[in-house]
C-alpha atoms as a PDB file:
ATOM      1  CA  MET A   1      59.422  73.641 -25.319  1.00  0.00           C
ATOM      2  CA  ALA A   2      56.245  71.698 -24.603  1.00  0.00           C
ATOM      3  CA  GLY A   3      54.970  68.937 -26.804  1.00  0.00           C
ATOM      4  CA  GLY A   4      51.531  67.795 -27.907  1.00  0.00           C
ATOM      5  CA  TRP A   5      48.660  69.968 -26.690  1.00  0.00           C
ATOM      6  CA  ALA A   6      50.619  71.596 -23.882  1.00  0.00           C
ATOM      7  CA  ARG A   7      51.642  75.219 -24.155  1.00  0.00           C
ATOM      8  CA  ASP A   8      55.238  76.361 -23.897  1.00  0.00           C
ATOM      9  CA  GLY A   9      56.395  76.433 -20.296  1.00  0.00           C
ATOM     10  CA  ALA A  10      53.801  73.918 -19.082  1.00  0.00           C
ATOM     11  CA  VAL A  11      56.417  71.486 -17.807  1.00  0.00           C
ATOM     12  CA  GLN A  12      58.164  74.183 -15.785  1.00  0.00           C
ATOM     13  CA  ASP A  13      54.779  75.275 -14.394  1.00  0.00           C
ATOM     14  CA  GLN A  14      54.186  71.698 -13.201  1.00  0.00           C
ATOM     15  CA  ILE A  15      57.604  71.588 -11.545  1.00  0.00           C
ATOM     16  CA  ASP A  16      57.038  74.965  -9.871  1.00  0.00           C
ATOM     17  CA  ALA A  17      53.590  73.890  -8.640  1.00  0.00           C
ATOM     18  CA  SER A  18      55.017  70.661  -7.180  1.00  0.00           C
ATOM     19  CA  ILE A  19      57.710  72.604  -5.345  1.00  0.00           C
ATOM     20  CA  GLN A  20      55.157  75.067  -3.969  1.00  0.00           C
ATOM     21  CA  ASP A  21      52.926  72.176  -2.794  1.00  0.00           C
ATOM     22  CA  GLU A  22      55.825  70.550  -0.964  1.00  0.00           C
ATOM     23  CA  LEU A  23      56.890  73.830   0.654  1.00  0.00           C
ATOM     24  CA  ALA A  24      53.323  74.437   1.827  1.00  0.00           C
ATOM     25  CA  ARG A  25      53.149  70.902   3.251  1.00  0.00           C
ATOM     26  CA  MET A  26      56.409  71.391   5.113  1.00  0.00           C
ATOM     27  CA  LYS A  27      55.285  74.741   6.557  1.00  0.00           C
ATOM     28  CA  THR A  28      52.142  73.189   8.029  1.00  0.00           C
ATOM     29  CA  ARG A  29      54.145  70.376   9.597  1.00  0.00           C
ATOM     30  CA  SER A  30      55.347  71.529  12.959  1.00  0.00           C
ATOM     31  CA  GLY A  31      57.516  69.990  15.617  1.00  0.00           C
ATOM     32  CA  PRO A  32      56.467  69.065  19.125  1.00  0.00           C
ATOM     33  CA  VAL A  33      54.273  71.608  20.871  1.00  0.00           C
ATOM     34  CA  GLY A  34      52.888  71.977  24.360  1.00  0.00           C
ATOM     35  CA  ASP A  35      54.340  70.698  27.593  1.00  0.00           C
ATOM     36  CA  SER A  36      57.116  68.145  27.506  1.00  0.00           C
ATOM     37  CA  LEU A  37      56.485  64.806  29.107  1.00  0.00           C
ATOM     38  CA  THR A  38      58.677  63.794  32.027  1.00  0.00           C
ATOM     39  CA  HIS A  39      58.610  60.152  30.893  1.00  0.00           C
ATOM     40  CA  CYS A  40      58.733  58.678  27.392  1.00  0.00           C
ATOM     41  CA  ALA A  41      55.338  57.969  25.804  1.00  0.00           C
ATOM     42  CA  GLU A  42      56.594  54.627  24.447  1.00  0.00           C
ATOM     43  CA  CYS A  43      59.002  53.072  26.956  1.00  0.00           C
ATOM     44  CA  GLU A  44      58.176  55.021  30.154  1.00  0.00           C
ATOM     45  CA  GLU A  45      61.857  55.923  30.714  1.00  0.00           C
ATOM     46  CA  GLU A  46      62.532  59.344  32.195  1.00  0.00           C
ATOM     47  CA  ILE A  47      63.296  62.060  29.635  1.00  0.00           C
ATOM     48  CA  PRO A  48      66.339  64.070  30.764  1.00  0.00           C
ATOM     49  CA  GLU A  49      65.675  67.665  31.833  1.00  0.00           C
ATOM     50  CA  ALA A  50      68.154  68.999  29.265  1.00  0.00           C
ATOM     51  CA  ARG A  51      66.186  67.327  26.437  1.00  0.00           C
ATOM     52  CA  ARG A  52      62.881  68.700  27.743  1.00  0.00           C
ATOM     53  CA  ARG A  53      64.324  72.216  27.817  1.00  0.00           C
ATOM     54  CA  ALA A  54      65.978  71.899  24.395  1.00  0.00           C
ATOM     55  CA  ILE A  55      62.861  70.573  22.631  1.00  0.00           C
ATOM     56  CA  PRO A  56      59.632  72.006  24.084  1.00  0.00           C
ATOM     57  CA  GLY A  57      56.807  69.473  23.790  1.00  0.00           C
ATOM     58  CA  VAL A  58      59.079  66.432  23.474  1.00  0.00           C
ATOM     59  CA  LYS A  59      57.231  63.145  24.016  1.00  0.00           C
ATOM     60  CA  LEU A  60      59.915  60.506  23.353  1.00  0.00           C
ATOM     61  CA  CYS A  61      63.275  59.680  24.889  1.00  0.00           C
ATOM     62  CA  ILE A  62      66.364  59.754  22.688  1.00  0.00           C
ATOM     63  CA  ASP A  63      66.452  55.966  22.176  1.00  0.00           C
ATOM     64  CA  CYS A  64      62.813  55.757  21.067  1.00  0.00           C
ATOM     65  CA  MET A  65      63.214  58.787  18.802  1.00  0.00           C
ATOM     66  CA  GLN A  66      66.282  57.244  17.150  1.00  0.00           C
ATOM     67  CA  GLU A  67      64.345  53.998  16.630  1.00  0.00           C
ATOM     68  CA  ARG A  68      61.467  55.903  15.045  1.00  0.00           C
ATOM     69  CA  ASP A  69      63.841  57.916  12.827  1.00  0.00           C
ATOM     70  CA  ALA A  70      65.590  54.735  11.652  1.00  0.00           C
ATOM     71  CA  SER A  71      62.281  53.166  10.583  1.00  0.00           C
ATOM     72  CA  PHE A  72      61.062  56.308   8.762  1.00  0.00           C
ATOM     73  CA  LYS A  73      60.347  55.818   5.065  1.00  0.00           C
ATOM     74  CA  ALA A  74      60.216  58.905   2.902  1.00  0.00           C
ATOM     75  CA  ARG A  75      57.167  59.206   0.731  1.00  0.00           C
ATOM     76  CA  PRO A  76      57.746  58.962  -2.996  1.00  0.00           C
ATOM     77  CA  GLY A  77      58.251  62.331  -4.601  1.00  0.00           C
ATOM     78  CA  PHE A  78      56.723  62.022  -8.018  1.00  0.00           C
ATOM     79  CA  ASN A  79      54.631  64.655  -9.685  1.00  0.00           C
ATOM     80  CA  ARG A  80      50.939  63.661  -9.644  1.00  0.00           C
ATOM     81  CA  ARG A  81      50.062  66.785 -11.584  1.00  0.00           C
ATOM     82  CA  GLY A  82      52.175  65.708 -14.522  1.00  0.00           C
ATOM     83  CA  SER A  83      51.336  62.007 -14.358  1.00  0.00           C
ATOM     84  CA  LYS A  84      49.332  60.811 -17.332  1.00  0.00           C
ATOM     85  CA  ASP A  85      47.914  58.013 -15.176  1.00  0.00           C
ATOM     86  CA  SER A  86      46.360  60.566 -12.806  1.00  0.00           C
ATOM     87  CA  GLN A  87      44.599  62.197 -15.737  1.00  0.00           C
ATOM     88  CA  LEU A  88      43.067  58.894 -16.850  1.00  0.00           C
ATOM     89  CA  LYS A  89      41.363  58.123 -13.523  1.00  0.00           C
END
């Protein structure tokens, strides 16, 4: 049940659209591609052969990748489509 001027099912349509947007964003995001580096792009340490074979296109050693993963901050996942603030701008 929608309220105000919205039609019935509008909220679910917004949720579905947000999910489809996120799925599309994730599909376009790809992993490493191309030739693997023999040495890390950040610390210049040698990347083990097993890692280069396991992950084609790898650019970072395990230590640098773990550091980068630890500092990763997920983006906020709120629905801009349904935000009243976004409609006022």
